[in-house]
């Protein structure tokens, strides 16, 4: 709920968030890892939809303008501040439902993206794209190798043991 309070030309807005971070993260028994995306998504999507937070995920609730014009002067938009706080709540809540491995991958990709935005208009941007491709390949291979290790670590049964020959 938004409650504007006016004091001369300054407008202060107070509001409450739709849900707490604790409520957002305590409802999940499954933490996202390389093997359970569909199960994880099946748990988190209805919760975000029910709490009117899914628009931050699918883009149907875009951020309002950072500034608004008041008497011809650009001023901070209190609706943007509210939207940003809710967006950060959603981001933090989702991060709390990730396994440590998945969280580390998100952090690496986020850092690479931040680094890349600074290099966007330079020749180094090509190097950045190669770096992202290598990182993606590395992460994909680590999942594949992890799956192979899990498969190989289970005790195989020989055909001759299953059939009395």
Protein backbone atom coordinates (compact mmCIF):
# COMPACT_ATOMS: atom_id res chain seq x y z
CA UNK A 1 0.00 0.00 0.00
CA UNK A 2 1.39 3.41 -0.93
CA UNK A 3 0.89 6.35 1.36
CA UNK A 4 2.24 9.66 0.05
CA UNK A 5 3.12 12.26 2.65
CA UNK A 6 3.85 15.76 1.50
CA UNK A 7 6.28 18.13 3.20
CA UNK A 8 6.71 21.35 1.22
CA UNK A 9 7.89 20.22 -2.24
CA UNK A 10 9.32 16.86 -1.08
CA UNK A 11 7.13 13.79 -1.32
CA UNK A 12 7.91 10.78 0.86
CA UNK A 13 6.32 7.46 0.05
CA UNK A 14 6.05 4.57 2.47
CA UNK A 15 4.73 1.17 1.52
CA UNK A 16 4.73 -2.41 2.60
CA UNK A 17 6.08 -5.22 0.49
CA UNK A 18 3.56 -7.83 -0.69
CA UNK A 19 5.40 -10.69 1.02
CA UNK A 20 8.45 -11.13 3.18
CA UNK A 21 11.65 -12.80 2.02
CA UNK A 22 11.21 -15.40 4.77
CA UNK A 23 7.75 -16.30 3.46
CA UNK A 24 9.11 -16.37 -0.07
CA UNK A 25 11.88 -18.84 0.71
CA UNK A 26 10.48 -21.00 3.51
CA UNK A 27 7.86 -22.57 1.26
CA UNK A 28 10.28 -24.58 -0.85
CA UNK A 29 11.60 -28.03 -0.13
CA UNK A 30 13.47 -28.26 -3.43
CA UNK A 31 16.61 -26.25 -4.17
CA UNK A 32 17.46 -25.86 -7.84
CA UNK A 33 20.37 -27.97 -9.05
CA UNK A 34 21.43 -29.50 -12.35
CA UNK A 35 18.90 -32.33 -12.10
CA UNK A 36 15.62 -30.84 -10.90
CA UNK A 37 14.73 -27.69 -12.85
CA UNK A 38 11.20 -28.84 -13.77
CA UNK A 39 10.37 -29.80 -10.18
CA UNK A 40 11.82 -26.52 -8.86
CA UNK A 41 9.94 -24.46 -11.46
CA UNK A 42 6.75 -26.36 -10.67
CA UNK A 43 7.06 -25.27 -7.04
CA UNK A 44 8.10 -21.65 -7.48
CA UNK A 45 5.90 -20.53 -10.39
CA UNK A 46 2.48 -20.88 -8.71
CA UNK A 47 3.82 -19.20 -5.58
CA UNK A 48 5.07 -16.19 -7.56
CA UNK A 49 1.82 -15.99 -9.52
CA UNK A 50 -0.32 -16.19 -6.36
CA UNK A 51 1.66 -13.35 -4.76
CA UNK A 52 1.52 -11.17 -7.91
CA UNK A 53 5.29 -11.38 -8.35
CA UNK A 54 5.52 -13.38 -11.58
CA UNK A 55 5.41 -10.20 -13.67
CA UNK A 56 8.95 -9.50 -12.50
CA UNK A 57 9.98 -12.84 -14.02
CA UNK A 58 8.16 -12.80 -17.36
CA UNK A 59 8.47 -9.04 -17.97
CA UNK A 60 4.74 -8.24 -17.78
CA UNK A 61 5.46 -5.94 -14.82
CA UNK A 62 8.21 -3.73 -16.28
CA UNK A 63 9.92 -1.11 -14.14
CA UNK A 64 8.34 2.34 -14.08
CA UNK A 65 10.41 5.30 -15.18
CA UNK A 66 13.14 6.23 -12.67
CA UNK A 67 12.08 9.87 -12.78
CA UNK A 68 8.84 11.76 -13.22
CA UNK A 69 8.16 15.39 -14.02
CA UNK A 70 6.71 17.44 -11.17
CA UNK A 71 6.11 21.08 -12.08
CA UNK A 72 8.53 20.71 -14.98
CA UNK A 73 11.32 19.30 -12.80
CA UNK A 74 12.60 15.73 -12.98
CA UNK A 75 12.11 14.01 -9.62
CA UNK A 76 12.66 10.44 -8.43
CA UNK A 77 9.63 8.28 -9.13
CA UNK A 78 8.41 6.66 -5.89
CA UNK A 79 6.72 3.91 -7.91
CA UNK A 80 10.11 2.95 -9.38
CA UNK A 81 11.59 2.69 -5.86
CA UNK A 82 8.69 0.43 -4.84
CA UNK A 83 9.02 -1.71 -7.97
CA UNK A 84 12.80 -2.02 -7.48
CA UNK A 85 12.41 -3.17 -3.86
CA UNK A 86 9.89 -5.82 -4.88
CA UNK A 87 12.13 -6.91 -7.76
CA UNK A 88 15.07 -7.32 -5.39
CA UNK A 89 12.83 -9.31 -3.04
CA UNK A 90 12.00 -11.67 -5.91
CA UNK A 91 15.67 -11.96 -6.94
CA UNK A 92 16.77 -12.62 -3.35
CA UNK A 93 13.98 -15.11 -2.80
CA UNK A 94 14.84 -17.05 -5.94
CA UNK A 95 18.54 -17.05 -5.06
CA UNK A 96 17.63 -18.56 -1.69
CA UNK A 97 16.00 -21.48 -3.50
CA UNK A 98 19.14 -22.32 -5.50
CA UNK A 99 21.68 -24.96 -4.59
CA UNK A 100 25.15 -23.59 -3.83
CA UNK A 101 26.37 -24.79 -7.24
CA UNK A 102 23.52 -23.11 -9.11
CA UNK A 103 23.97 -19.94 -7.07
CA UNK A 104 27.67 -19.83 -7.97
CA UNK A 105 26.82 -20.21 -11.66
CA UNK A 106 24.33 -17.35 -11.47
CA UNK A 107 26.94 -15.18 -9.79
CA UNK A 108 29.57 -15.97 -12.44
CA UNK A 109 27.16 -15.23 -15.28
CA UNK A 110 25.98 -12.02 -13.59
CA UNK A 111 29.57 -10.84 -13.15
CA UNK A 112 30.38 -11.69 -16.76
CA UNK A 113 27.30 -9.78 -17.91
CA UNK A 114 28.22 -6.75 -15.78
CA UNK A 115 31.77 -6.88 -17.11
CA UNK A 116 30.44 -7.19 -20.64
CA UNK A 117 28.18 -4.14 -20.43
CA UNK A 118 31.24 -1.99 -19.81
CA UNK A 119 32.96 -3.47 -22.85
CA UNK A 120 29.97 -3.46 -25.15
CA UNK A 121 31.27 -0.83 -27.56
CA UNK A 122 34.90 -1.86 -27.67
CA UNK A 123 36.96 -4.44 -29.48
CA UNK A 124 37.29 -6.38 -26.23
CA UNK A 125 33.60 -7.26 -26.50
CA UNK A 126 34.57 -10.09 -28.85
CA UNK A 127 36.85 -11.46 -26.17
CA UNK A 128 33.96 -11.20 -23.73
CA UNK A 129 31.72 -13.25 -26.04
CA UNK A 130 34.41 -15.90 -26.36
CA UNK A 131 34.80 -15.92 -22.55
CA UNK A 132 31.05 -16.40 -22.05
CA UNK A 133 31.00 -19.19 -24.63
CA UNK A 134 33.92 -20.92 -22.90
CA UNK A 135 32.29 -20.51 -19.47
CA UNK A 136 29.00 -21.91 -20.76
CA UNK A 137 30.81 -24.82 -22.37
CA UNK A 138 32.75 -25.44 -19.14
CA UNK A 139 29.58 -25.42 -17.02
CA UNK A 140 27.79 -27.70 -19.48
CA UNK A 141 30.70 -30.13 -19.54
CA UNK A 142 30.90 -30.13 -15.74
CA UNK A 143 27.22 -31.17 -15.61
CA UNK A 144 27.81 -33.90 -18.17
CA UNK A 145 30.91 -35.17 -16.38
CA UNK A 146 29.05 -35.04 -13.06
CA UNK A 147 26.25 -37.11 -14.55
CA UNK A 148 28.71 -39.62 -15.99
CA UNK A 149 30.48 -39.89 -12.61
CA UNK A 150 27.14 -40.50 -10.88
CA UNK A 151 26.26 -43.17 -13.42
CA UNK A 152 29.65 -44.85 -13.15
CA UNK A 153 29.68 -44.74 -9.36
CA UNK A 154 26.53 -46.85 -9.15
CA UNK A 155 27.32 -50.56 -9.07
CA UNK A 156 26.80 -52.07 -12.49
CA UNK A 157 25.39 -55.57 -12.76
CA UNK A 158 26.94 -57.85 -15.27
CA UNK A 159 24.63 -59.72 -17.62
CA UNK A 160 26.12 -63.00 -16.45
CA UNK A 161 25.10 -62.16 -12.85
CA UNK A 162 21.50 -61.42 -13.78
CA UNK A 163 21.04 -64.52 -15.88
CA UNK A 164 22.17 -67.91 -14.72
CA UNK A 165 24.34 -69.01 -17.59
